[in-house]
């Protein structure tokens, strides 16, 4: 019987994919911290908080595979090759990924490459960016009175215009968009063209759980302009749905008027 080395703490030559969560080191799982302390090779994303990297042994080989929009320092095939190379060399390799490895983290591709090469691999889940950032903003993605369904999409996927998102946002539904900052205006236009009301509440959660985090609310028709106006930068999550009204960012204007109601009135006047 072949022993499953991925579950053996004494095994050599293996890769551990760890979800680093949305940013705050306190949100790492106990299991993630324990395995980080075993790393001989640490291959990590570029947005990982330095305090998380410090949990690995000081003598561990650190390799950054930082990615930015339209510019990958190391392409995915190169990352796969690095994991395989160090795993076959008998090292305990920790692949540290922001959020959860299997939520827009390409963890599935890395697992496939490792299995094909015969390298033992295990996955330690992390709190996804959407869950961490929305919890910090007191914004429930589902709610008995407001939303019974939630969908996750990537705002930078190829063929954005051609993708059919109809039915993912609207009454009783919440849409969460990863990597949607640079395409915010296109996303708003796309959703409105597919039937989502221009006055649908929207939240943009920037740097969730990290120092300098911001939670901003607006309406779908104003999404692109707000991202530009507020100079939003990644990492940021866009949440679209009535649940946004429950956010801790539910600020009031002078006279107690809700900001979203104020924006809706402005939008109606402009129509």
C-alpha atoms as a PDB file:
ATOM      1  CA  UNK A   1       0.000   0.000   0.000  1.00  0.00           C
ATOM      2  CA  UNK A   2       1.370   3.423  -0.984  1.00  0.00           C
ATOM      3  CA  UNK A   3       1.687   5.740   1.995  1.00  0.00           C
ATOM      4  CA  UNK A   4       0.086   9.194   1.660  1.00  0.00           C
ATOM      5  CA  UNK A   5       3.075  11.393   2.487  1.00  0.00           C
ATOM      6  CA  UNK A   6       0.997  14.555   2.241  1.00  0.00           C
ATOM      7  CA  UNK A   7      -0.428  13.765   5.674  1.00  0.00           C
ATOM      8  CA  UNK A   8       2.844  12.700   7.279  1.00  0.00           C
ATOM      9  CA  UNK A   9       4.572  15.463   9.259  1.00  0.00           C
ATOM     10  CA  UNK A  10       7.895  13.619   8.867  1.00  0.00           C
ATOM     11  CA  UNK A  11       7.661  13.150   5.097  1.00  0.00           C
ATOM     12  CA  UNK A  12      10.283  14.671   2.800  1.00  0.00           C
ATOM     13  CA  UNK A  13       9.864  15.987  -0.699  1.00  0.00           C
ATOM     14  CA  UNK A  14       6.411  17.497  -0.536  1.00  0.00           C
ATOM     15  CA  UNK A  15       4.575  20.703  -1.268  1.00  0.00           C
ATOM     16  CA  UNK A  16       2.048  22.345   1.028  1.00  0.00           C
ATOM     17  CA  UNK A  17      -0.306  24.909  -0.510  1.00  0.00           C
ATOM     18  CA  UNK A  18      -1.327  27.304   2.250  1.00  0.00           C
ATOM     19  CA  UNK A  19      -4.016  29.956   2.111  1.00  0.00           C
ATOM     20  CA  UNK A  20      -2.609  33.060   3.829  1.00  0.00           C
ATOM     21  CA  UNK A  21      -6.044  34.629   4.227  1.00  0.00           C
ATOM     22  CA  UNK A  22      -7.001  38.209   3.343  1.00  0.00           C
ATOM     23  CA  UNK A  23      -3.899  39.753   4.921  1.00  0.00           C
ATOM     24  CA  UNK A  24      -4.032  40.009   8.704  1.00  0.00           C
ATOM     25  CA  UNK A  25      -1.686  37.337  10.171  1.00  0.00           C
ATOM     26  CA  UNK A  26      -4.160  36.744  13.008  1.00  0.00           C
ATOM     27  CA  UNK A  27      -6.546  35.222  10.464  1.00  0.00           C
ATOM     28  CA  UNK A  28      -4.191  32.371   9.562  1.00  0.00           C
ATOM     29  CA  UNK A  29      -5.358  28.951  10.661  1.00  0.00           C
ATOM     30  CA  UNK A  30      -3.467  27.156  13.416  1.00  0.00           C
ATOM     31  CA  UNK A  31      -2.606  24.447  10.909  1.00  0.00           C
ATOM     32  CA  UNK A  32      -1.163  27.013   8.499  1.00  0.00           C
ATOM     33  CA  UNK A  33       1.096  28.483  11.182  1.00  0.00           C
ATOM     34  CA  UNK A  34       2.302  25.032  12.200  1.00  0.00           C
ATOM     35  CA  UNK A  35       3.225  24.087   8.641  1.00  0.00           C
ATOM     36  CA  UNK A  36       4.852  27.431   7.887  1.00  0.00           C
ATOM     37  CA  UNK A  37       7.297  26.685  10.690  1.00  0.00           C
ATOM     38  CA  UNK A  38       8.385  23.544   8.797  1.00  0.00           C
ATOM     39  CA  UNK A  39       9.204  25.268   5.504  1.00  0.00           C
ATOM     40  CA  UNK A  40      12.590  24.726   3.893  1.00  0.00           C
ATOM     41  CA  UNK A  41      11.529  26.519   0.710  1.00  0.00           C
ATOM     42  CA  UNK A  42       8.895  29.270   0.787  1.00  0.00           C
ATOM     43  CA  UNK A  43       7.361  30.235  -2.568  1.00  0.00           C
ATOM     44  CA  UNK A  44       5.002  33.128  -1.986  1.00  0.00           C
ATOM     45  CA  UNK A  45       2.722  35.631  -3.697  1.00  0.00           C
ATOM     46  CA  UNK A  46       3.701  39.291  -3.780  1.00  0.00           C
ATOM     47  CA  UNK A  47       0.883  40.643  -1.591  1.00  0.00           C
ATOM     48  CA  UNK A  48       1.575  38.447   1.424  1.00  0.00           C
ATOM     49  CA  UNK A  49       2.008  40.510   4.591  1.00  0.00           C
ATOM     50  CA  UNK A  50       5.675  40.458   5.749  1.00  0.00           C
ATOM     51  CA  UNK A  51       4.473  39.404   9.206  1.00  0.00           C
ATOM     52  CA  UNK A  52       3.165  36.181   7.674  1.00  0.00           C
ATOM     53  CA  UNK A  53       6.467  35.516   5.897  1.00  0.00           C
ATOM     54  CA  UNK A  54       8.257  35.959   9.226  1.00  0.00           C
ATOM     55  CA  UNK A  55       6.474  32.862  10.545  1.00  0.00           C
ATOM     56  CA  UNK A  56       8.679  30.683   8.304  1.00  0.00           C
ATOM     57  CA  UNK A  57      12.156  29.706   9.539  1.00  0.00           C
ATOM     58  CA  UNK A  58      14.759  32.419   9.000  1.00  0.00           C
ATOM     59  CA  UNK A  59      16.947  30.031   6.995  1.00  0.00           C
ATOM     60  CA  UNK A  60      14.161  28.948   4.616  1.00  0.00           C
ATOM     61  CA  UNK A  61      14.810  29.782   0.969  1.00  0.00           C
ATOM     62  CA  UNK A  62      12.331  32.539   0.039  1.00  0.00           C
ATOM     63  CA  UNK A  63      11.168  32.911  -3.567  1.00  0.00           C
ATOM     64  CA  UNK A  64       8.713  35.647  -4.543  1.00  0.00           C
ATOM     65  CA  UNK A  65       6.491  34.951  -7.536  1.00  0.00           C
ATOM     66  CA  UNK A  66       4.712  38.302  -7.389  1.00  0.00           C
ATOM     67  CA  UNK A  67       2.170  39.006 -10.101  1.00  0.00           C
ATOM     68  CA  UNK A  68       0.710  42.283 -11.291  1.00  0.00           C
ATOM     69  CA  UNK A  69      -1.931  42.949 -13.910  1.00  0.00           C
ATOM     70  CA  UNK A  70      -0.498  42.231 -17.376  1.00  0.00           C
ATOM     71  CA  UNK A  71       2.967  41.587 -15.923  1.00  0.00           C
ATOM     72  CA  UNK A  72       3.822  38.254 -14.357  1.00  0.00           C
ATOM     73  CA  UNK A  73       7.327  38.207 -12.895  1.00  0.00           C
ATOM     74  CA  UNK A  74       7.112  34.410 -13.015  1.00  0.00           C
ATOM     75  CA  UNK A  75       4.447  32.897 -15.293  1.00  0.00           C
ATOM     76  CA  UNK A  76       2.224  30.166 -13.873  1.00  0.00           C
ATOM     77  CA  UNK A  77       4.117  27.484 -15.767  1.00  0.00           C
ATOM     78  CA  UNK A  78       7.309  28.736 -14.120  1.00  0.00           C
ATOM     79  CA  UNK A  79       5.712  28.586 -10.670  1.00  0.00           C
ATOM     80  CA  UNK A  80       4.584  25.024 -11.325  1.00  0.00           C
ATOM     81  CA  UNK A  81       8.124  24.125 -12.407  1.00  0.00           C
ATOM     82  CA  UNK A  82       9.620  25.657  -9.245  1.00  0.00           C
ATOM     83  CA  UNK A  83       7.282  23.681  -7.028  1.00  0.00           C
ATOM     84  CA  UNK A  84       8.055  20.438  -8.841  1.00  0.00           C
ATOM     85  CA  UNK A  85      11.810  21.098  -8.862  1.00  0.00           C
ATOM     86  CA  UNK A  86      12.104  21.703  -5.127  1.00  0.00           C
ATOM     87  CA  UNK A  87       9.635  18.957  -4.265  1.00  0.00           C
ATOM     88  CA  UNK A  88      11.594  16.387  -6.290  1.00  0.00           C
ATOM     89  CA  UNK A  89      14.776  17.640  -4.594  1.00  0.00           C
ATOM     90  CA  UNK A  90      13.384  16.353  -1.309  1.00  0.00           C
ATOM     91  CA  UNK A  91      12.493  19.703   0.225  1.00  0.00           C
ATOM     92  CA  UNK A  92       9.509  20.661   2.336  1.00  0.00           C
ATOM     93  CA  UNK A  93       8.034  23.379   0.137  1.00  0.00           C
ATOM     94  CA  UNK A  94       5.402  25.812   1.323  1.00  0.00           C
ATOM     95  CA  UNK A  95       3.471  27.566  -1.428  1.00  0.00           C
ATOM     96  CA  UNK A  96       1.918  30.582   0.292  1.00  0.00           C
ATOM     97  CA  UNK A  97      -1.044  32.116  -1.521  1.00  0.00           C
ATOM     98  CA  UNK A  98      -3.250  35.081  -0.599  1.00  0.00           C
ATOM     99  CA  UNK A  99      -6.797  34.273   0.475  1.00  0.00           C
ATOM    100  CA  UNK A 100      -7.698  30.658  -0.250  1.00  0.00           C
ATOM    101  CA  UNK A 101      -5.674  28.586  -2.751  1.00  0.00           C
ATOM    102  CA  UNK A 102      -8.794  27.395  -4.556  1.00  0.00           C
ATOM    103  CA  UNK A 103     -10.612  30.757  -4.890  1.00  0.00           C
ATOM    104  CA  UNK A 104      -9.037  32.471  -7.922  1.00  0.00           C
ATOM    105  CA  UNK A 105      -5.650  31.361  -6.612  1.00  0.00           C
ATOM    106  CA  UNK A 106      -4.799  28.857  -9.381  1.00  0.00           C
ATOM    107  CA  UNK A 107      -4.162  26.289  -6.685  1.00  0.00           C
ATOM    108  CA  UNK A 108      -5.928  23.666  -8.734  1.00  0.00           C
ATOM    109  CA  UNK A 109      -3.407  24.064 -11.557  1.00  0.00           C
ATOM    110  CA  UNK A 110      -0.500  23.713  -9.154  1.00  0.00           C
ATOM    111  CA  UNK A 111      -1.968  20.571  -7.599  1.00  0.00           C
ATOM    112  CA  UNK A 112      -2.398  19.062 -11.065  1.00  0.00           C
ATOM    113  CA  UNK A 113       1.232  19.791 -11.977  1.00  0.00           C
ATOM    114  CA  UNK A 114       2.548  18.322  -8.734  1.00  0.00           C
ATOM    115  CA  UNK A 115       0.467  15.173  -9.002  1.00  0.00           C
ATOM    116  CA  UNK A 116       1.572  14.683 -12.610  1.00  0.00           C
ATOM    117  CA  UNK A 117       5.208  14.903 -11.448  1.00  0.00           C
ATOM    118  CA  UNK A 118       4.638  12.469  -8.592  1.00  0.00           C
ATOM    119  CA  UNK A 119       5.228  15.052  -5.842  1.00  0.00           C
ATOM    120  CA  UNK A 120       3.198  14.683  -2.640  1.00  0.00           C
ATOM    121  CA  UNK A 121       0.955  17.685  -2.092  1.00  0.00           C
ATOM    122  CA  UNK A 122      -1.586  18.881   0.440  1.00  0.00           C
ATOM    123  CA  UNK A 123      -3.756  21.981   0.714  1.00  0.00           C
ATOM    124  CA  UNK A 124      -4.442  24.046   3.809  1.00  0.00           C
ATOM    125  CA  UNK A 125      -7.423  26.338   3.190  1.00  0.00           C
ATOM    126  CA  UNK A 126      -7.461  30.006   4.113  1.00  0.00           C
ATOM    127  CA  UNK A 127     -10.097  32.670   4.667  1.00  0.00           C
ATOM    128  CA  UNK A 128     -10.819  34.075   1.222  1.00  0.00           C
ATOM    129  CA  UNK A 129     -10.366  37.789   0.592  1.00  0.00           C
ATOM    130  CA  UNK A 130     -14.101  38.268   0.053  1.00  0.00           C
ATOM    131  CA  UNK A 131     -15.069  36.605   3.323  1.00  0.00           C
ATOM    132  CA  UNK A 132     -12.428  38.401   5.368  1.00  0.00           C
ATOM    133  CA  UNK A 133     -13.007  41.867   3.921  1.00  0.00           C
ATOM    134  CA  UNK A 134     -16.807  41.659   4.053  1.00  0.00           C
ATOM    135  CA  UNK A 135     -16.760  40.444   7.674  1.00  0.00           C
ATOM    136  CA  UNK A 136     -14.515  43.354   8.658  1.00  0.00           C
ATOM    137  CA  UNK A 137     -16.988  45.773   7.026  1.00  0.00           C
ATOM    138  CA  UNK A 138     -19.921  44.078   8.792  1.00  0.00           C
ATOM    139  CA  UNK A 139     -21.319  43.256   5.360  1.00  0.00           C
ATOM    140  CA  UNK A 140     -23.022  39.827   5.271  1.00  0.00           C
ATOM    141  CA  UNK A 141     -22.871  38.257   1.827  1.00  0.00           C
ATOM    142  CA  UNK A 142     -26.088  36.366   2.542  1.00  0.00           C
ATOM    143  CA  UNK A 143     -29.000  37.429   4.726  1.00  0.00           C
ATOM    144  CA  UNK A 144     -32.455  35.920   5.193  1.00  0.00           C
ATOM    145  CA  UNK A 145     -34.138  39.216   4.312  1.00  0.00           C
ATOM    146  CA  UNK A 146     -31.842  40.391   1.527  1.00  0.00           C
ATOM    147  CA  UNK A 147     -29.901  37.634  -0.239  1.00  0.00           C
ATOM    148  CA  UNK A 148     -30.186  33.867  -0.497  1.00  0.00           C
ATOM    149  CA  UNK A 149     -27.418  33.375  -3.073  1.00  0.00           C
ATOM    150  CA  UNK A 150     -23.868  34.612  -3.595  1.00  0.00           C
ATOM    151  CA  UNK A 151     -21.627  34.286  -6.664  1.00  0.00           C
ATOM    152  CA  UNK A 152     -17.899  34.896  -7.096  1.00  0.00           C
ATOM    153  CA  UNK A 153     -16.446  36.076 -10.408  1.00  0.00           C
ATOM    154  CA  UNK A 154     -13.120  37.447 -11.629  1.00  0.00           C
ATOM    155  CA  UNK A 155     -13.202  40.923 -13.136  1.00  0.00           C
ATOM    156  CA  UNK A 156     -10.080  40.450 -15.231  1.00  0.00           C
ATOM    157  CA  UNK A 157     -10.906  37.191 -16.975  1.00  0.00           C
ATOM    158  CA  UNK A 158     -10.440  37.038 -20.736  1.00  0.00           C
ATOM    159  CA  UNK A 159     -13.558  37.819 -22.698  1.00  0.00           C
ATOM    160  CA  UNK A 160     -15.149  39.901 -19.917  1.00  0.00           C
ATOM    161  CA  UNK A 161     -17.634  41.520 -22.277  1.00  0.00           C
ATOM    162  CA  UNK A 162     -18.704  38.179 -23.723  1.00  0.00           C
ATOM    163  CA  UNK A 163     -19.298  36.512 -20.358  1.00  0.00           C
ATOM    164  CA  UNK A 164     -22.913  36.106 -19.303  1.00  0.00           C
ATOM    165  CA  UNK A 165     -23.417  37.338 -15.735  1.00  0.00           C
ATOM    166  CA  UNK A 166     -27.175  37.770 -16.045  1.00  0.00           C
ATOM    167  CA  UNK A 167     -28.882  36.367 -12.976  1.00  0.00           C
ATOM    168  CA  UNK A 168     -25.809  36.696 -10.756  1.00  0.00           C
ATOM    169  CA  UNK A 169     -26.686  40.142  -9.381  1.00  0.00           C
ATOM    170  CA  UNK A 170     -30.048  41.646  -8.551  1.00  0.00           C
ATOM    171  CA  UNK A 171     -32.898  41.217  -6.124  1.00  0.00           C
ATOM    172  CA  UNK A 172     -32.086  38.534  -3.533  1.00  0.00           C
ATOM    173  CA  UNK A 173     -28.604  37.858  -4.932  1.00  0.00           C
ATOM    174  CA  UNK A 174     -25.083  39.036  -4.122  1.00  0.00           C
ATOM    175  CA  UNK A 175     -22.265  39.269  -6.649  1.00  0.00           C
ATOM    176  CA  UNK A 176     -18.659  39.410  -5.443  1.00  0.00           C
ATOM    177  CA  UNK A 177     -16.039  40.502  -7.960  1.00  0.00           C
ATOM    178  CA  UNK A 178     -12.345  39.812  -7.472  1.00  0.00           C
ATOM    179  CA  UNK A 179      -9.741  41.821  -9.396  1.00  0.00           C
ATOM    180  CA  UNK A 180     -12.309  44.306 -10.618  1.00  0.00           C
ATOM    181  CA  UNK A 181     -10.624  47.641  -9.918  1.00  0.00           C
ATOM    182  CA  UNK A 182      -9.146  48.319 -13.341  1.00  0.00           C
ATOM    183  CA  UNK A 183     -12.290  47.135 -15.137  1.00  0.00           C
ATOM    184  CA  UNK A 184     -14.827  48.741 -12.767  1.00  0.00           C
ATOM    185  CA  UNK A 185     -16.488  50.894 -15.431  1.00  0.00           C
ATOM    186  CA  UNK A 186     -16.703  47.977 -17.866  1.00  0.00           C
ATOM    187  CA  UNK A 187     -18.224  45.823 -15.114  1.00  0.00           C
ATOM    188  CA  UNK A 188     -20.857  48.435 -14.293  1.00  0.00           C
ATOM    189  CA  UNK A 189     -21.757  48.881 -17.980  1.00  0.00           C
ATOM    190  CA  UNK A 190     -21.900  45.128 -18.480  1.00  0.00           C
ATOM    191  CA  UNK A 191     -24.210  44.491 -15.517  1.00  0.00           C
ATOM    192  CA  UNK A 192     -26.560  47.361 -16.369  1.00  0.00           C
ATOM    193  CA  UNK A 193     -26.733  46.105 -19.969  1.00  0.00           C
ATOM    194  CA  UNK A 194     -27.681  42.685 -18.578  1.00  0.00           C
ATOM    195  CA  UNK A 195     -30.554  44.118 -16.574  1.00  0.00           C
ATOM    196  CA  UNK A 196     -29.151  45.081 -13.165  1.00  0.00           C
ATOM    197  CA  UNK A 197     -30.677  48.340 -11.927  1.00  0.00           C
ATOM    198  CA  UNK A 198     -28.350  51.376 -12.045  1.00  0.00           C
ATOM    199  CA  UNK A 199     -29.253  52.155  -8.409  1.00  0.00           C
ATOM    200  CA  UNK A 200     -28.191  48.726  -7.121  1.00  0.00           C
ATOM    201  CA  UNK A 201     -25.986  49.269  -4.021  1.00  0.00           C
ATOM    202  CA  UNK A 202     -22.285  48.545  -4.438  1.00  0.00           C
ATOM    203  CA  UNK A 203     -19.412  48.317  -1.956  1.00  0.00           C
ATOM    204  CA  UNK A 204     -15.710  48.469  -2.724  1.00  0.00           C
ATOM    205  CA  UNK A 205     -13.548  46.990   0.033  1.00  0.00           C
ATOM    206  CA  UNK A 206      -9.911  47.995  -0.340  1.00  0.00           C
ATOM    207  CA  UNK A 207      -7.051  46.303   1.562  1.00  0.00           C
ATOM    208  CA  UNK A 208      -9.478  44.308   3.677  1.00  0.00           C
ATOM    209  CA  UNK A 209      -8.148  43.372   7.178  1.00  0.00           C
ATOM    210  CA  UNK A 210      -4.895  45.265   6.523  1.00  0.00           C
ATOM    211  CA  UNK A 211      -3.733  48.658   7.836  1.00  0.00           C
ATOM    212  CA  UNK A 212      -5.325  51.410   5.772  1.00  0.00           C
ATOM    213  CA  UNK A 213      -8.380  49.323   4.849  1.00  0.00           C
ATOM    214  CA  UNK A 214     -11.279  51.287   3.323  1.00  0.00           C
ATOM    215  CA  UNK A 215     -14.932  50.383   2.811  1.00  0.00           C
ATOM    216  CA  UNK A 216     -16.733  52.587   0.269  1.00  0.00           C
ATOM    217  CA  UNK A 217     -20.355  52.493  -0.872  1.00  0.00           C
ATOM    218  CA  UNK A 218     -22.039  53.806  -3.966  1.00  0.00           C
ATOM    219  CA  UNK A 219     -24.513  52.748  -6.655  1.00  0.00           C
ATOM    220  CA  UNK A 220     -23.778  50.597  -9.685  1.00  0.00           C
ATOM    221  CA  UNK A 221     -24.055  53.540 -12.100  1.00  0.00           C
ATOM    222  CA  UNK A 222     -21.374  55.391 -10.131  1.00  0.00           C
ATOM    223  CA  UNK A 223     -18.982  52.463  -9.638  1.00  0.00           C
ATOM    224  CA  UNK A 224     -16.408  53.340 -12.284  1.00  0.00           C
ATOM    225  CA  UNK A 225     -16.361  57.024 -11.362  1.00  0.00           C
ATOM    226  CA  UNK A 226     -16.045  56.266  -7.648  1.00  0.00           C
ATOM    227  CA  UNK A 227     -13.092  53.938  -8.181  1.00  0.00           C
ATOM    228  CA  UNK A 228     -11.371  56.726 -10.102  1.00  0.00           C
ATOM    229  CA  UNK A 229     -12.493  59.476  -7.723  1.00  0.00           C
ATOM    230  CA  UNK A 230     -11.317  57.627  -4.618  1.00  0.00           C
ATOM    231  CA  UNK A 231      -8.164  56.355  -6.344  1.00  0.00           C
ATOM    232  CA  UNK A 232      -8.904  52.783  -5.323  1.00  0.00           C
ATOM    233  CA  UNK A 233      -5.977  50.399  -5.689  1.00  0.00           C
ATOM    234  CA  UNK A 234      -5.695  46.634  -5.504  1.00  0.00           C
ATOM    235  CA  UNK A 235      -6.193  44.486  -3.579  1.00  0.00           C
ATOM    236  CA  UNK A 236      -9.886  45.346  -3.499  1.00  0.00           C
ATOM    237  CA  UNK A 237     -13.173  43.454  -3.654  1.00  0.00           C
ATOM    238  CA  UNK A 238     -16.354  44.733  -5.308  1.00  0.00           C
ATOM    239  CA  UNK A 239     -19.660  43.589  -3.800  1.00  0.00           C
ATOM    240  CA  UNK A 240     -22.950  44.225  -5.584  1.00  0.00           C
ATOM    241  CA  UNK A 241     -26.339  43.647  -3.961  1.00  0.00           C
ATOM    242  CA  UNK A 242     -28.879  44.874  -1.434  1.00  0.00           C
ATOM    243  CA  UNK A 243     -26.774  43.441   1.416  1.00  0.00           C
ATOM    244  CA  UNK A 244     -24.473  46.430   0.941  1.00  0.00           C
ATOM    245  CA  UNK A 245     -27.077  48.485   2.816  1.00  0.00           C
ATOM    246  CA  UNK A 246     -26.197  46.477   5.939  1.00  0.00           C
ATOM    247  CA  UNK A 247     -22.496  47.331   5.762  1.00  0.00           C
ATOM    248  CA  UNK A 248     -20.677  48.960   8.646  1.00  0.00           C
ATOM    249  CA  UNK A 249     -19.835  51.604   6.029  1.00  0.00           C
ATOM    250  CA  UNK A 250     -23.501  52.702   6.025  1.00  0.00           C
ATOM    251  CA  UNK A 251     -22.658  56.350   6.535  1.00  0.00           C
ATOM    252  CA  UNK A 252     -25.170  59.143   6.942  1.00  0.00           C
ATOM    253  CA  UNK A 253     -25.109  62.561   5.340  1.00  0.00           C
ATOM    254  CA  UNK A 254     -26.009  65.765   7.136  1.00  0.00           C
ATOM    255  CA  UNK A 255     -29.632  65.546   8.228  1.00  0.00           C
ATOM    256  CA  UNK A 256     -29.453  61.769   8.647  1.00  0.00           C
ATOM    257  CA  UNK A 257     -30.014  60.905   4.987  1.00  0.00           C
ATOM    258  CA  UNK A 258     -28.468  57.649   3.829  1.00  0.00           C
ATOM    259  CA  UNK A 259     -25.699  58.194   1.258  1.00  0.00           C
ATOM    260  CA  UNK A 260     -27.156  55.582  -1.090  1.00  0.00           C
ATOM    261  CA  UNK A 261     -30.571  57.226  -0.983  1.00  0.00           C
ATOM    262  CA  UNK A 262     -28.929  60.565  -1.727  1.00  0.00           C
ATOM    263  CA  UNK A 263     -27.059  59.111  -4.703  1.00  0.00           C
ATOM    264  CA  UNK A 264     -30.226  57.433  -5.973  1.00  0.00           C
ATOM    265  CA  UNK A 265     -32.034  60.767  -5.929  1.00  0.00           C
ATOM    266  CA  UNK A 266     -29.185  62.372  -7.847  1.00  0.00           C
ATOM    267  CA  UNK A 267     -29.233  59.555 -10.380  1.00  0.00           C
ATOM    268  CA  UNK A 268     -32.994  59.922 -10.864  1.00  0.00           C
ATOM    269  CA  UNK A 269     -32.631  63.666 -11.391  1.00  0.00           C
ATOM    270  CA  UNK A 270     -30.016  63.103 -14.077  1.00  0.00           C
ATOM    271  CA  UNK A 271     -32.095  60.517 -15.946  1.00  0.00           C
END
